[in-house]
Amino acid sequence: MDASGIKIVEQAYTMLAQAFQKTGKPLPENKLVKKEQDILLRNLDCAVIESLHEYNEQTEKKAYDAVRGAFIEGRELYPYAGFRKENHIQICVRNPNCIKGYFRVLDADANYPIP
């Protein structure tokens, strides 16, 4: 596979689609939840990433330690904004040895407001 992250994901989708086509089964689908305008159930995205990891394992390529995805969701904060109400980034750390530390959530301090 090509070295570019976007290209790799695109190629993983192509391989997954071909595999599903051979079996005659439908590909998983990303879906809207209720009347939301954003795709919140990302079954296809998950299957593409999982198939990429499976491909790397089968071909003895180096595993990815972590995967990051940006999700542009929600209404615009103002007209033509690049910011939306529900934008977020998700990180999946697959290799726990990459986690060098973590923080402990503190109890609320009564001297300050709770946001």
N, C-alpha and C. Protein backbone atom coordinates (compact mmCIF):
# COMPACT_ATOMS: atom_id res chain seq x y z
N MET A 1 0.83 -1.19 0.00
CA MET A 1 0.00 0.00 0.00
C MET A 1 0.87 1.25 0.00
N ASP A 2 0.33 2.31 -0.56
CA ASP A 2 0.98 3.61 -0.59
C ASP A 2 1.22 4.11 0.83
N ALA A 3 2.21 4.97 1.03
CA ALA A 3 2.59 5.41 2.38
C ALA A 3 1.71 6.52 2.96
N SER A 4 0.96 7.25 2.14
CA SER A 4 0.12 8.34 2.63
C SER A 4 -1.06 7.78 3.43
N GLY A 5 -1.33 8.36 4.63
CA GLY A 5 -2.41 7.88 5.49
C GLY A 5 -3.76 7.87 4.81
N ILE A 6 -4.11 8.94 4.11
CA ILE A 6 -5.40 9.01 3.43
C ILE A 6 -5.47 7.96 2.33
N LYS A 7 -4.40 7.82 1.58
CA LYS A 7 -4.37 6.84 0.48
C LYS A 7 -4.49 5.42 1.03
N ILE A 8 -3.86 5.15 2.16
CA ILE A 8 -3.92 3.82 2.77
C ILE A 8 -5.35 3.48 3.16
N VAL A 9 -6.05 4.43 3.76
CA VAL A 9 -7.44 4.19 4.15
C VAL A 9 -8.30 3.98 2.90
N GLU A 10 -8.06 4.76 1.88
CA GLU A 10 -8.80 4.61 0.62
C GLU A 10 -8.56 3.21 0.02
N GLN A 11 -7.31 2.76 0.04
CA GLN A 11 -6.99 1.43 -0.48
C GLN A 11 -7.60 0.34 0.39
N ALA A 12 -7.63 0.55 1.70
CA ALA A 12 -8.24 -0.43 2.60
C ALA A 12 -9.73 -0.56 2.29
N TYR A 13 -10.39 0.57 2.00
CA TYR A 13 -11.81 0.52 1.63
C TYR A 13 -11.99 -0.28 0.35
N THR A 14 -11.15 -0.04 -0.64
CA THR A 14 -11.26 -0.76 -1.91
C THR A 14 -11.11 -2.26 -1.70
N MET A 15 -10.13 -2.66 -0.89
CA MET A 15 -9.93 -4.09 -0.62
C MET A 15 -11.13 -4.67 0.13
N LEU A 16 -11.66 -3.94 1.09
CA LEU A 16 -12.81 -4.41 1.85
C LEU A 16 -14.03 -4.55 0.93
N ALA A 17 -14.27 -3.56 0.09
CA ALA A 17 -15.41 -3.60 -0.83
C ALA A 17 -15.29 -4.79 -1.78
N GLN A 18 -14.09 -5.05 -2.26
CA GLN A 18 -13.88 -6.20 -3.16
C GLN A 18 -14.14 -7.51 -2.43
N ALA A 19 -13.69 -7.61 -1.18
CA ALA A 19 -13.91 -8.83 -0.40
C ALA A 19 -15.40 -9.06 -0.16
N PHE A 20 -16.14 -8.00 0.17
CA PHE A 20 -17.58 -8.14 0.39
C PHE A 20 -18.30 -8.47 -0.91
N GLN A 21 -17.82 -7.91 -2.02
CA GLN A 21 -18.45 -8.18 -3.32
C GLN A 21 -18.30 -9.66 -3.67
N LYS A 22 -17.14 -10.24 -3.37
CA LYS A 22 -16.91 -11.66 -3.65
C LYS A 22 -17.86 -12.55 -2.85
N THR A 23 -18.18 -12.14 -1.63
CA THR A 23 -19.06 -12.96 -0.79
C THR A 23 -20.53 -12.69 -1.08
N GLY A 24 -20.82 -11.59 -1.77
CA GLY A 24 -22.21 -11.24 -2.05
C GLY A 24 -22.90 -10.56 -0.89
N LYS A 25 -22.19 -10.33 0.19
CA LYS A 25 -22.77 -9.65 1.35
C LYS A 25 -22.67 -8.14 1.16
N PRO A 26 -23.62 -7.40 1.72
CA PRO A 26 -23.53 -5.93 1.63
C PRO A 26 -22.46 -5.40 2.59
N LEU A 27 -21.82 -4.33 2.17
CA LEU A 27 -20.86 -3.66 3.05
C LEU A 27 -21.58 -3.10 4.27
N PRO A 28 -20.89 -3.02 5.41
CA PRO A 28 -21.48 -2.29 6.54
C PRO A 28 -21.76 -0.86 6.11
N GLU A 29 -22.67 -0.20 6.78
CA GLU A 29 -23.03 1.17 6.41
C GLU A 29 -22.85 2.12 7.59
N ASN A 30 -22.41 3.33 7.28
CA ASN A 30 -22.47 4.42 8.25
C ASN A 30 -23.91 4.91 8.24
N LYS A 31 -24.45 5.20 9.42
CA LYS A 31 -25.88 5.54 9.48
C LYS A 31 -26.15 6.76 10.34
N LEU A 32 -27.23 7.42 9.97
CA LEU A 32 -27.75 8.51 10.78
C LEU A 32 -28.45 7.90 12.00
N VAL A 33 -28.52 8.65 13.08
CA VAL A 33 -29.26 8.21 14.25
C VAL A 33 -30.50 9.08 14.36
N LYS A 34 -31.65 8.45 14.35
CA LYS A 34 -32.94 9.13 14.44
C LYS A 34 -33.01 10.24 13.39
N LYS A 35 -33.27 11.47 13.80
CA LYS A 35 -33.41 12.56 12.84
C LYS A 35 -32.17 13.43 12.78
N GLU A 36 -31.07 12.95 13.33
CA GLU A 36 -29.81 13.71 13.29
C GLU A 36 -29.37 13.88 11.84
N GLN A 37 -28.67 14.96 11.55
CA GLN A 37 -28.14 15.17 10.21
C GLN A 37 -26.73 14.59 10.08
N ASP A 38 -26.13 14.25 11.21
CA ASP A 38 -24.76 13.73 11.20
C ASP A 38 -24.77 12.21 11.25
N ILE A 39 -23.79 11.63 10.62
CA ILE A 39 -23.64 10.18 10.66
C ILE A 39 -22.97 9.84 11.99
N LEU A 40 -23.71 9.17 12.86
CA LEU A 40 -23.18 8.88 14.19
C LEU A 40 -22.81 7.41 14.36
N LEU A 41 -23.41 6.52 13.58
CA LEU A 41 -23.04 5.11 13.63
C LEU A 41 -22.10 4.84 12.46
N ARG A 42 -20.85 4.67 12.74
CA ARG A 42 -19.81 4.58 11.70
C ARG A 42 -19.34 3.14 11.51
N ASN A 43 -20.29 2.27 11.16
CA ASN A 43 -19.98 0.85 10.98
C ASN A 43 -19.02 0.61 9.82
N LEU A 44 -19.20 1.32 8.72
CA LEU A 44 -18.31 1.16 7.58
C LEU A 44 -16.91 1.67 7.90
N ASP A 45 -16.82 2.84 8.51
CA ASP A 45 -15.51 3.40 8.87
C ASP A 45 -14.75 2.43 9.76
N CYS A 46 -15.44 1.86 10.75
CA CYS A 46 -14.82 0.91 11.67
C CYS A 46 -14.34 -0.33 10.90
N ALA A 47 -15.16 -0.85 10.01
CA ALA A 47 -14.79 -2.04 9.23
C ALA A 47 -13.57 -1.76 8.36
N VAL A 48 -13.48 -0.58 7.77
CA VAL A 48 -12.33 -0.23 6.93
C VAL A 48 -11.05 -0.21 7.77
N ILE A 49 -11.09 0.43 8.93
CA ILE A 49 -9.90 0.50 9.78
C ILE A 49 -9.52 -0.88 10.30
N GLU A 50 -10.50 -1.66 10.72
CA GLU A 50 -10.21 -3.02 11.20
C GLU A 50 -9.63 -3.89 10.09
N SER A 51 -10.15 -3.74 8.87
CA SER A 51 -9.60 -4.54 7.76
C SER A 51 -8.17 -4.12 7.43
N LEU A 52 -7.87 -2.85 7.60
CA LEU A 52 -6.50 -2.37 7.39
C LEU A 52 -5.55 -3.02 8.40
N HIS A 53 -5.97 -3.08 9.66
CA HIS A 53 -5.13 -3.73 10.68
C HIS A 53 -4.97 -5.22 10.39
N GLU A 54 -6.05 -5.85 9.94
CA GLU A 54 -5.99 -7.27 9.60
C GLU A 54 -5.04 -7.49 8.42
N TYR A 55 -5.11 -6.64 7.42
CA TYR A 55 -4.21 -6.73 6.26
C TYR A 55 -2.75 -6.60 6.71
N ASN A 56 -2.48 -5.61 7.55
CA ASN A 56 -1.10 -5.43 8.03
C ASN A 56 -0.62 -6.67 8.78
N GLU A 57 -1.49 -7.27 9.58
CA GLU A 57 -1.10 -8.46 10.33
C GLU A 57 -0.83 -9.64 9.38
N GLN A 58 -1.72 -9.84 8.41
CA GLN A 58 -1.57 -10.95 7.47
C GLN A 58 -0.34 -10.81 6.58
N THR A 59 0.04 -9.58 6.27
CA THR A 59 1.19 -9.35 5.39
C THR A 59 2.45 -9.04 6.19
N GLU A 60 2.36 -9.22 7.52
CA GLU A 60 3.49 -9.01 8.43
C GLU A 60 4.07 -7.59 8.34
N LYS A 61 3.18 -6.64 8.10
CA LYS A 61 3.59 -5.24 8.13
C LYS A 61 3.48 -4.74 9.57
N LYS A 62 4.20 -3.68 9.85
CA LYS A 62 4.18 -3.11 11.19
C LYS A 62 2.77 -2.64 11.54
N ALA A 63 2.35 -2.96 12.76
CA ALA A 63 1.03 -2.54 13.22
C ALA A 63 1.04 -1.05 13.54
N TYR A 64 -0.10 -0.43 13.43
CA TYR A 64 -0.24 0.96 13.83
C TYR A 64 -0.42 1.00 15.35
N ASP A 65 0.29 1.91 16.00
CA ASP A 65 0.17 2.05 17.44
C ASP A 65 -1.11 2.78 17.83
N ALA A 66 -1.54 3.70 16.99
CA ALA A 66 -2.73 4.50 17.29
C ALA A 66 -3.39 4.95 16.00
N VAL A 67 -4.66 5.24 16.09
CA VAL A 67 -5.43 5.75 14.95
C VAL A 67 -6.18 6.99 15.44
N ARG A 68 -6.20 8.02 14.61
CA ARG A 68 -6.88 9.27 14.94
C ARG A 68 -7.85 9.62 13.83
N GLY A 69 -9.02 10.09 14.20
CA GLY A 69 -9.99 10.53 13.22
C GLY A 69 -10.64 11.83 13.65
N ALA A 70 -10.81 12.74 12.71
CA ALA A 70 -11.50 14.01 12.98
C ALA A 70 -12.93 13.90 12.47
N PHE A 71 -13.87 14.34 13.27
CA PHE A 71 -15.28 14.25 12.90
C PHE A 71 -15.90 15.64 12.94
N ILE A 72 -16.37 16.08 11.79
CA ILE A 72 -16.99 17.39 11.63
C ILE A 72 -18.49 17.17 11.72
N GLU A 73 -19.06 17.56 12.85
CA GLU A 73 -20.47 17.27 13.10
C GLU A 73 -21.15 18.46 13.78
N GLY A 74 -22.46 18.47 13.67
CA GLY A 74 -23.26 19.50 14.32
C GLY A 74 -23.48 20.71 13.44
N ARG A 75 -24.24 21.63 13.97
CA ARG A 75 -24.57 22.83 13.20
C ARG A 75 -23.39 23.79 13.20
N GLU A 76 -23.33 24.63 12.17
CA GLU A 76 -22.30 25.68 12.12
C GLU A 76 -22.50 26.63 13.28
N LEU A 77 -21.42 27.10 13.87
CA LEU A 77 -21.53 28.05 14.98
C LEU A 77 -21.99 29.43 14.50
N TYR A 78 -21.71 29.73 13.24
CA TYR A 78 -22.14 30.97 12.61
C TYR A 78 -22.10 30.71 11.11
N PRO A 79 -22.70 31.56 10.27
CA PRO A 79 -22.77 31.29 8.84
C PRO A 79 -21.39 31.05 8.21
N TYR A 80 -21.28 29.97 7.46
CA TYR A 80 -20.08 29.56 6.72
C TYR A 80 -18.89 29.25 7.64
N ALA A 81 -19.18 28.91 8.88
CA ALA A 81 -18.11 28.61 9.85
C ALA A 81 -17.45 27.28 9.54
N GLY A 82 -16.17 27.21 9.84
CA GLY A 82 -15.47 25.93 9.82
C GLY A 82 -15.64 25.20 11.13
N PHE A 83 -16.14 25.92 12.13
CA PHE A 83 -16.39 25.34 13.44
C PHE A 83 -17.83 24.90 13.52
N ARG A 84 -18.04 23.72 14.07
CA ARG A 84 -19.39 23.21 14.26
C ARG A 84 -19.58 22.82 15.72
N LYS A 85 -20.81 22.73 16.12
CA LYS A 85 -21.13 22.52 17.53
C LYS A 85 -20.58 21.19 18.07
N GLU A 86 -20.48 20.17 17.25
CA GLU A 86 -20.09 18.85 17.73
C GLU A 86 -18.76 18.35 17.15
N ASN A 87 -17.94 19.22 16.57
CA ASN A 87 -16.64 18.78 16.06
C ASN A 87 -15.86 18.08 17.17
N HIS A 88 -15.17 17.00 16.82
CA HIS A 88 -14.32 16.35 17.81
C HIS A 88 -13.31 15.45 17.12
N ILE A 89 -12.32 15.06 17.87
CA ILE A 89 -11.29 14.13 17.39
C ILE A 89 -11.32 12.92 18.29
N GLN A 90 -11.27 11.75 17.69
CA GLN A 90 -11.20 10.51 18.47
C GLN A 90 -9.84 9.87 18.24
N ILE A 91 -9.29 9.34 19.30
CA ILE A 91 -8.00 8.65 19.23
C ILE A 91 -8.19 7.25 19.80
N CYS A 92 -7.70 6.26 19.08
CA CYS A 92 -7.71 4.88 19.57
C CYS A 92 -6.26 4.44 19.70
N VAL A 93 -5.81 4.24 20.92
CA VAL A 93 -4.45 3.75 21.15
C VAL A 93 -4.52 2.23 21.18
N ARG A 94 -3.93 1.61 20.17
CA ARG A 94 -3.97 0.15 20.06
C ARG A 94 -2.82 -0.50 20.82
N ASN A 95 -1.74 0.23 20.98
CA ASN A 95 -0.57 -0.29 21.68
C ASN A 95 -0.50 0.39 23.05
N PRO A 96 -0.85 -0.32 24.11
CA PRO A 96 -0.86 0.32 25.43
C PRO A 96 0.51 0.79 25.89
N ASN A 97 1.57 0.30 25.29
CA ASN A 97 2.91 0.76 25.66
C ASN A 97 3.18 2.19 25.19
N CYS A 98 2.30 2.73 24.38
CA CYS A 98 2.44 4.12 23.94
C CYS A 98 1.92 5.10 24.98
N ILE A 99 1.18 4.60 25.95
CA ILE A 99 0.63 5.46 26.99
C ILE A 99 1.70 5.62 28.06
N LYS A 100 2.23 6.81 28.17
CA LYS A 100 3.33 7.08 29.10
C LYS A 100 2.84 7.53 30.46
N GLY A 101 1.58 7.91 30.56
CA GLY A 101 1.03 8.34 31.83
C GLY A 101 -0.41 8.74 31.65
N TYR A 102 -1.05 9.04 32.73
CA TYR A 102 -2.43 9.50 32.70
C TYR A 102 -2.64 10.40 33.91
N PHE A 103 -3.73 11.12 33.91
CA PHE A 103 -3.97 12.01 35.04
C PHE A 103 -5.16 11.50 35.85
N ARG A 104 -5.16 11.85 37.09
CA ARG A 104 -6.25 11.49 38.00
C ARG A 104 -7.23 12.65 38.03
N VAL A 105 -8.50 12.36 37.88
CA VAL A 105 -9.52 13.39 37.94
C VAL A 105 -9.64 13.84 39.39
N LEU A 106 -9.52 15.14 39.59
CA LEU A 106 -9.59 15.71 40.94
C LEU A 106 -11.03 15.92 41.39
N ASP A 107 -11.23 15.92 42.68
CA ASP A 107 -12.53 16.28 43.23
C ASP A 107 -12.73 17.78 43.01
N ALA A 108 -13.97 18.18 42.89
CA ALA A 108 -14.28 19.60 42.68
C ALA A 108 -13.84 20.41 43.88
N ASP A 109 -13.31 21.61 43.60
CA ASP A 109 -12.88 22.55 44.64
C ASP A 109 -14.04 23.51 44.89
N ALA A 110 -14.55 23.54 46.11
CA ALA A 110 -15.71 24.35 46.45
C ALA A 110 -15.44 25.85 46.29
N ASN A 111 -14.20 26.28 46.18
CA ASN A 111 -13.86 27.69 46.04
C ASN A 111 -14.04 28.21 44.60
N TYR A 112 -14.35 27.31 43.68
CA TYR A 112 -14.49 27.69 42.27
C TYR A 112 -15.80 27.16 41.73
N PRO A 113 -16.37 27.84 40.70
CA PRO A 113 -17.60 27.33 40.11
C PRO A 113 -17.33 26.05 39.30
N ILE A 114 -18.33 25.24 39.20
CA ILE A 114 -18.22 24.03 38.38
C ILE A 114 -18.79 24.36 37.00
N PRO A 115 -17.98 24.27 35.96
CA PRO A 115 -18.47 24.63 34.62
C PRO A 115 -19.51 23.65 34.11
